[in-house]
Amino acid sequence: MKKYLIGLFIFSLLSLNFALAEDLKFSAANYDEAAKQESKIEFKMESTKLGLVTTGFTSYVRDFVIHYDKSSNAFDNVVVTIMANSLDTDNSSRNEKMYDLCLSVSKYKEITVRLTGKVELSDTPRPFPALLNIRGKDNKIDILLRLVKEGEKEFVQGEAKVSLKGLEIPDPSIFIAKVKDQVNLNFKIFLH
């Protein structure tokens, strides 16, 4: 009887842990739809044309999944999986170069961000360590996160700055347009 109760207790604990795991899936058909969604991930970059005019452009992620385990006020085992071919700059030639040269999407289908510890959110932005796996290589980054409450809605807002060179991503610059090295990652994820 004792073995039965211990087995039942262990099974109950395992069941409870699985019940707390959650996957949030997000998908958009195109650039405009991804830009309008409440929950979104965006990458902002700048380029300078002919050394004179600097313009910015934004890439939205059309397909991504967030996995996490929730316990009271903390999140654990947080992993964001981005389909590499779902980054969209709303410019087909720029997208093609990004997919082929920069991200090598035929070889590296996913980009993942794994928060490396327990995440306890507050309304004050705090940095959390993460591993960004891009082009098959893990890179340590810090992500600034905060919890925002707007009426009944609650969402996680975050940002990070990364370097193309630091991530060993080939420079997408062309003769007339130099792409700046810094990439600003911003996101807003509503907790449903």
C-alpha atoms as a PDB file:
ATOM      1  CA  MET A   1       0.000   0.000   0.000  1.00  0.00           C
ATOM      2  CA  LYS A   2       2.848   2.375   0.864  1.00  0.00           C
ATOM      3  CA  LYS A   3       4.460   1.857  -2.593  1.00  0.00           C
ATOM      4  CA  TYR A   4       1.087   2.508  -4.227  1.00  0.00           C
ATOM      5  CA  LEU A   5       0.652   5.816  -2.345  1.00  0.00           C
ATOM      6  CA  ILE A   6       4.216   6.929  -3.163  1.00  0.00           C
ATOM      7  CA  GLY A   7       3.628   6.071  -6.834  1.00  0.00           C
ATOM      8  CA  LEU A   8       0.335   7.950  -6.823  1.00  0.00           C
ATOM      9  CA  PHE A   9       1.999  10.968  -5.189  1.00  0.00           C
ATOM     10  CA  ILE A  10       4.828  11.025  -7.781  1.00  0.00           C
ATOM     11  CA  PHE A  11       2.310  10.639 -10.621  1.00  0.00           C
ATOM     12  CA  SER A  12       0.285  13.544  -9.179  1.00  0.00           C
ATOM     13  CA  LEU A  13       3.380  15.761  -9.015  1.00  0.00           C
ATOM     14  CA  LEU A  14       4.313  14.936 -12.600  1.00  0.00           C
ATOM     15  CA  SER A  15       0.759  15.612 -13.745  1.00  0.00           C
ATOM     16  CA  LEU A  16       0.776  18.957 -11.946  1.00  0.00           C
ATOM     17  CA  ASN A  17       4.041  19.970 -13.637  1.00  0.00           C
ATOM     18  CA  PHE A  18       2.671  19.114 -17.078  1.00  0.00           C
ATOM     19  CA  ALA A  19      -0.517  21.061 -16.347  1.00  0.00           C
ATOM     20  CA  LEU A  20       1.563  24.177 -15.661  1.00  0.00           C
ATOM     21  CA  ALA A  21       3.455  23.984 -18.969  1.00  0.00           C
ATOM     22  CA  GLU A  22       1.993  26.175 -21.667  1.00  0.00           C
ATOM     23  CA  ASP A  23       2.626  26.954 -25.325  1.00  0.00           C
ATOM     24  CA  LEU A  24       1.438  30.198 -26.866  1.00  0.00           C
ATOM     25  CA  LYS A  25       1.371  30.069 -30.673  1.00  0.00           C
ATOM     26  CA  PHE A  26       1.281  33.150 -32.884  1.00  0.00           C
ATOM     27  CA  SER A  27       0.881  33.292 -36.632  1.00  0.00           C
ATOM     28  CA  ALA A  28       0.270  35.983 -39.234  1.00  0.00           C
ATOM     29  CA  ALA A  29      -0.307  35.595 -42.961  1.00  0.00           C
ATOM     30  CA  ASN A  30       1.797  38.589 -43.991  1.00  0.00           C
ATOM     31  CA  TYR A  31       3.807  41.630 -42.871  1.00  0.00           C
ATOM     32  CA  ASP A  32       0.807  43.922 -42.327  1.00  0.00           C
ATOM     33  CA  GLU A  33      -1.060  41.344 -40.256  1.00  0.00           C
ATOM     34  CA  ALA A  34       2.040  40.673 -38.112  1.00  0.00           C
ATOM     35  CA  ALA A  35       2.490  44.429 -37.547  1.00  0.00           C
ATOM     36  CA  LYS A  36      -1.131  44.833 -36.374  1.00  0.00           C
ATOM     37  CA  GLN A  37      -1.226  41.894 -33.940  1.00  0.00           C
ATOM     38  CA  GLU A  38      -1.382  42.632 -30.222  1.00  0.00           C
ATOM     39  CA  SER A  39       1.375  40.103 -29.483  1.00  0.00           C
ATOM     40  CA  LYS A  40       4.373  40.603 -31.730  1.00  0.00           C
ATOM     41  CA  ILE A  41       8.133  40.358 -32.095  1.00  0.00           C
ATOM     42  CA  GLU A  42       9.959  42.943 -34.192  1.00  0.00           C
ATOM     43  CA  PHE A  43      13.552  43.584 -35.207  1.00  0.00           C
ATOM     44  CA  LYS A  44      14.448  47.206 -36.009  1.00  0.00           C
ATOM     45  CA  MET A  45      17.486  48.124 -38.092  1.00  0.00           C
ATOM     46  CA  GLU A  46      18.899  51.106 -39.952  1.00  0.00           C
ATOM     47  CA  SER A  47      20.791  51.560 -43.195  1.00  0.00           C
ATOM     48  CA  THR A  48      22.616  54.536 -44.661  1.00  0.00           C
ATOM     49  CA  LYS A  49      22.307  55.119 -48.391  1.00  0.00           C
ATOM     50  CA  LEU A  50      25.254  56.658 -50.238  1.00  0.00           C
ATOM     51  CA  GLY A  51      26.660  57.678 -46.851  1.00  0.00           C
ATOM     52  CA  LEU A  52      24.085  60.471 -46.609  1.00  0.00           C
ATOM     53  CA  VAL A  53      20.547  59.363 -45.797  1.00  0.00           C
ATOM     54  CA  THR A  54      19.774  57.035 -42.888  1.00  0.00           C
ATOM     55  CA  THR A  55      16.496  55.163 -42.922  1.00  0.00           C
ATOM     56  CA  GLY A  56      15.066  52.532 -40.629  1.00  0.00           C
ATOM     57  CA  PHE A  57      13.220  49.350 -41.396  1.00  0.00           C
ATOM     58  CA  THR A  58      11.362  46.828 -39.260  1.00  0.00           C
ATOM     59  CA  SER A  59      11.139  43.072 -39.611  1.00  0.00           C
ATOM     60  CA  TYR A  60       8.154  41.367 -37.974  1.00  0.00           C
ATOM     61  CA  VAL A  61       8.047  37.687 -37.050  1.00  0.00           C
ATOM     62  CA  ARG A  62       5.020  36.022 -38.627  1.00  0.00           C
ATOM     63  CA  ASP A  63       5.285  32.613 -36.871  1.00  0.00           C
ATOM     64  CA  PHE A  64       6.552  31.954 -33.364  1.00  0.00           C
ATOM     65  CA  VAL A  65       5.816  29.824 -30.298  1.00  0.00           C
ATOM     66  CA  ILE A  66       6.511  30.632 -26.659  1.00  0.00           C
ATOM     67  CA  HIS A  67       6.835  27.730 -24.253  1.00  0.00           C
ATOM     68  CA  TYR A  68       6.984  28.235 -20.490  1.00  0.00           C
ATOM     69  CA  ASP A  69       6.227  26.626 -17.162  1.00  0.00           C
ATOM     70  CA  LYS A  70       4.238  28.835 -14.787  1.00  0.00           C
ATOM     71  CA  SER A  71       4.407  28.654 -11.025  1.00  0.00           C
ATOM     72  CA  SER A  72       2.798  31.378  -8.886  1.00  0.00           C
ATOM     73  CA  ASN A  73       4.496  34.642  -9.949  1.00  0.00           C
ATOM     74  CA  ALA A  74       7.389  33.087 -11.873  1.00  0.00           C
ATOM     75  CA  PHE A  75       8.015  31.655 -15.322  1.00  0.00           C
ATOM     76  CA  ASP A  76      10.549  28.890 -15.869  1.00  0.00           C
ATOM     77  CA  ASN A  77      11.906  27.028 -18.914  1.00  0.00           C
ATOM     78  CA  VAL A  78      10.942  29.936 -21.188  1.00  0.00           C
ATOM     79  CA  VAL A  79      11.781  29.192 -24.830  1.00  0.00           C
ATOM     80  CA  VAL A  80      10.755  31.317 -27.801  1.00  0.00           C
ATOM     81  CA  THR A  81      10.955  29.494 -31.136  1.00  0.00           C
ATOM     82  CA  ILE A  82      10.888  31.615 -34.285  1.00  0.00           C
ATOM     83  CA  MET A  83      10.562  30.105 -37.743  1.00  0.00           C
ATOM     84  CA  ALA A  84      13.534  31.767 -39.477  1.00  0.00           C
ATOM     85  CA  ASN A  85      11.710  32.068 -42.815  1.00  0.00           C
ATOM     86  CA  SER A  86       8.873  33.973 -41.108  1.00  0.00           C
ATOM     87  CA  LEU A  87      10.908  37.143 -40.510  1.00  0.00           C
ATOM     88  CA  ASP A  88       9.444  39.687 -42.914  1.00  0.00           C
ATOM     89  CA  THR A  89      10.752  43.164 -43.814  1.00  0.00           C
ATOM     90  CA  ASP A  90       7.979  43.868 -46.344  1.00  0.00           C
ATOM     91  CA  ASN A  91      10.580  43.978 -49.116  1.00  0.00           C
ATOM     92  CA  SER A  92      10.986  40.779 -51.141  1.00  0.00           C
ATOM     93  CA  SER A  93      14.605  41.403 -52.246  1.00  0.00           C
ATOM     94  CA  ARG A  94      15.672  42.339 -48.699  1.00  0.00           C
ATOM     95  CA  ASN A  95      13.839  39.243 -47.372  1.00  0.00           C
ATOM     96  CA  GLU A  96      15.587  37.008 -49.900  1.00  0.00           C
ATOM     97  CA  LYS A  97      19.001  38.329 -48.883  1.00  0.00           C
ATOM     98  CA  MET A  98      18.118  37.954 -45.201  1.00  0.00           C
ATOM     99  CA  TYR A  99      16.950  34.333 -45.697  1.00  0.00           C
ATOM    100  CA  ASP A 100      19.852  33.265 -47.936  1.00  0.00           C
ATOM    101  CA  LEU A 101      22.888  35.251 -46.774  1.00  0.00           C
ATOM    102  CA  CYS A 102      22.163  36.348 -43.217  1.00  0.00           C
ATOM    103  CA  LEU A 103      20.089  33.543 -41.713  1.00  0.00           C
ATOM    104  CA  SER A 104      20.791  30.588 -44.056  1.00  0.00           C
ATOM    105  CA  VAL A 105      17.201  29.407 -43.514  1.00  0.00           C
ATOM    106  CA  SER A 106      17.629  26.323 -45.706  1.00  0.00           C
ATOM    107  CA  LYS A 107      20.122  25.015 -43.116  1.00  0.00           C
ATOM    108  CA  TYR A 108      18.920  26.725 -39.917  1.00  0.00           C
ATOM    109  CA  LYS A 109      15.123  26.575 -39.847  1.00  0.00           C
ATOM    110  CA  GLU A 110      14.611  28.020 -36.350  1.00  0.00           C
ATOM    111  CA  ILE A 111      15.892  30.815 -34.175  1.00  0.00           C
ATOM    112  CA  THR A 112      15.435  30.192 -30.457  1.00  0.00           C
ATOM    113  CA  VAL A 113      15.683  32.376 -27.389  1.00  0.00           C
ATOM    114  CA  ARG A 114      15.997  30.491 -24.107  1.00  0.00           C
ATOM    115  CA  LEU A 115      15.818  32.386 -20.825  1.00  0.00           C
ATOM    116  CA  THR A 116      18.437  30.743 -18.643  1.00  0.00           C
ATOM    117  CA  GLY A 117      16.800  31.129 -15.251  1.00  0.00           C
ATOM    118  CA  LYS A 118      13.553  31.678 -13.419  1.00  0.00           C
ATOM    119  CA  VAL A 119      11.779  34.855 -14.542  1.00  0.00           C
ATOM    120  CA  GLU A 120       9.926  36.844 -11.922  1.00  0.00           C
ATOM    121  CA  LEU A 121       8.274  39.793 -13.626  1.00  0.00           C
ATOM    122  CA  SER A 122       7.503  43.172 -12.131  1.00  0.00           C
ATOM    123  CA  ASP A 123       6.390  46.522 -13.493  1.00  0.00           C
ATOM    124  CA  THR A 124      10.004  47.717 -13.241  1.00  0.00           C
ATOM    125  CA  PRO A 125      12.137  46.661 -16.242  1.00  0.00           C
ATOM    126  CA  ARG A 126      14.792  44.113 -15.249  1.00  0.00           C
ATOM    127  CA  PRO A 127      17.477  42.376 -17.317  1.00  0.00           C
ATOM    128  CA  PHE A 128      17.369  38.591 -17.625  1.00  0.00           C
ATOM    129  CA  PRO A 129      20.121  36.421 -19.157  1.00  0.00           C
ATOM    130  CA  ALA A 130      19.209  34.434 -22.257  1.00  0.00           C
ATOM    131  CA  LEU A 131      20.739  32.280 -24.970  1.00  0.00           C
ATOM    132  CA  LEU A 132      19.933  33.322 -28.534  1.00  0.00           C
ATOM    133  CA  ASN A 133      20.529  30.446 -30.941  1.00  0.00           C
ATOM    134  CA  ILE A 134      20.874  31.764 -34.462  1.00  0.00           C
ATOM    135  CA  ARG A 135      22.628  30.042 -37.370  1.00  0.00           C
ATOM    136  CA  GLY A 136      23.195  27.042 -35.071  1.00  0.00           C
ATOM    137  CA  LYS A 137      25.244  28.953 -32.474  1.00  0.00           C
ATOM    138  CA  ASP A 138      24.296  29.989 -28.918  1.00  0.00           C
ATOM    139  CA  ASN A 139      24.945  33.624 -28.029  1.00  0.00           C
ATOM    140  CA  LYS A 140      24.572  35.105 -24.550  1.00  0.00           C
ATOM    141  CA  ILE A 141      22.347  38.168 -24.453  1.00  0.00           C
ATOM    142  CA  ASP A 142      20.424  40.139 -21.844  1.00  0.00           C
ATOM    143  CA  ILE A 143      16.727  40.807 -22.351  1.00  0.00           C
ATOM    144  CA  LEU A 144      15.052  43.651 -20.487  1.00  0.00           C
ATOM    145  CA  LEU A 145      11.578  42.493 -19.370  1.00  0.00           C
ATOM    146  CA  ARG A 146       8.676  44.046 -17.512  1.00  0.00           C
ATOM    147  CA  LEU A 147       5.065  43.174 -16.782  1.00  0.00           C
ATOM    148  CA  VAL A 148       2.493  45.735 -17.923  1.00  0.00           C
ATOM    149  CA  LYS A 149      -1.133  45.840 -16.783  1.00  0.00           C
ATOM    150  CA  GLU A 150      -3.698  47.801 -18.779  1.00  0.00           C
ATOM    151  CA  GLY A 151      -7.107  47.375 -17.176  1.00  0.00           C
ATOM    152  CA  GLU A 152      -7.893  43.654 -17.295  1.00  0.00           C
ATOM    153  CA  LYS A 153      -5.126  42.925 -19.803  1.00  0.00           C
ATOM    154  CA  GLU A 154      -1.630  41.875 -18.842  1.00  0.00           C
ATOM    155  CA  PHE A 155       1.362  41.616 -21.144  1.00  0.00           C
ATOM    156  CA  VAL A 156       5.124  41.157 -21.092  1.00  0.00           C
ATOM    157  CA  GLN A 157       7.132  43.870 -22.782  1.00  0.00           C
ATOM    158  CA  GLY A 158      10.772  43.342 -23.634  1.00  0.00           C
ATOM    159  CA  GLU A 159      13.761  44.550 -25.551  1.00  0.00           C
ATOM    160  CA  ALA A 160      17.332  43.586 -26.359  1.00  0.00           C
ATOM    161  CA  LYS A 161      20.123  44.998 -28.475  1.00  0.00           C
ATOM    162  CA  VAL A 162      22.318  42.651 -30.487  1.00  0.00           C
ATOM    163  CA  SER A 163      25.152  43.052 -32.974  1.00  0.00           C
ATOM    164  CA  LEU A 164      25.279  41.411 -36.408  1.00  0.00           C
ATOM    165  CA  LYS A 165      29.052  40.972 -36.013  1.00  0.00           C
ATOM    166  CA  GLY A 166      28.638  39.641 -32.474  1.00  0.00           C
ATOM    167  CA  LEU A 167      26.152  37.040 -33.758  1.00  0.00           C
ATOM    168  CA  GLU A 168      28.477  36.229 -36.698  1.00  0.00           C
ATOM    169  CA  ILE A 169      25.764  37.137 -39.201  1.00  0.00           C
ATOM    170  CA  PRO A 170      27.164  38.107 -42.614  1.00  0.00           C
ATOM    171  CA  ASP A 171      26.896  41.838 -43.344  1.00  0.00           C
ATOM    172  CA  PRO A 172      23.943  42.394 -45.721  1.00  0.00           C
ATOM    173  CA  SER A 173      25.253  45.793 -46.877  1.00  0.00           C
ATOM    174  CA  ILE A 174      25.509  46.587 -50.569  1.00  0.00           C
ATOM    175  CA  PHE A 175      27.548  49.247 -52.373  1.00  0.00           C
ATOM    176  CA  ILE A 176      24.916  51.981 -52.078  1.00  0.00           C
ATOM    177  CA  ALA A 177      23.448  51.028 -48.685  1.00  0.00           C
ATOM    178  CA  LYS A 178      25.396  50.242 -45.504  1.00  0.00           C
ATOM    179  CA  VAL A 179      23.392  48.335 -42.880  1.00  0.00           C
ATOM    180  CA  LYS A 180      24.224  49.362 -39.307  1.00  0.00           C
ATOM    181  CA  ASP A 181      25.541  46.634 -37.029  1.00  0.00           C
ATOM    182  CA  GLN A 182      23.049  47.101 -34.182  1.00  0.00           C
ATOM    183  CA  VAL A 183      19.704  45.290 -34.236  1.00  0.00           C
ATOM    184  CA  ASN A 184      17.004  46.311 -31.750  1.00  0.00           C
ATOM    185  CA  LEU A 185      14.697  43.495 -30.717  1.00  0.00           C
ATOM    186  CA  ASN A 186      11.340  44.571 -29.249  1.00  0.00           C
ATOM    187  CA  PHE A 187       8.355  42.476 -28.303  1.00  0.00           C
ATOM    188  CA  LYS A 188       5.009  42.595 -26.593  1.00  0.00           C
ATOM    189  CA  ILE A 189       3.337  39.344 -25.558  1.00  0.00           C
ATOM    190  CA  PHE A 190      -0.157  39.262 -24.077  1.00  0.00           C
ATOM    191  CA  LEU A 191      -0.660  36.566 -21.453  1.00  0.00           C
ATOM    192  CA  HIS A 192      -3.855  34.702 -22.354  1.00  0.00           C
END
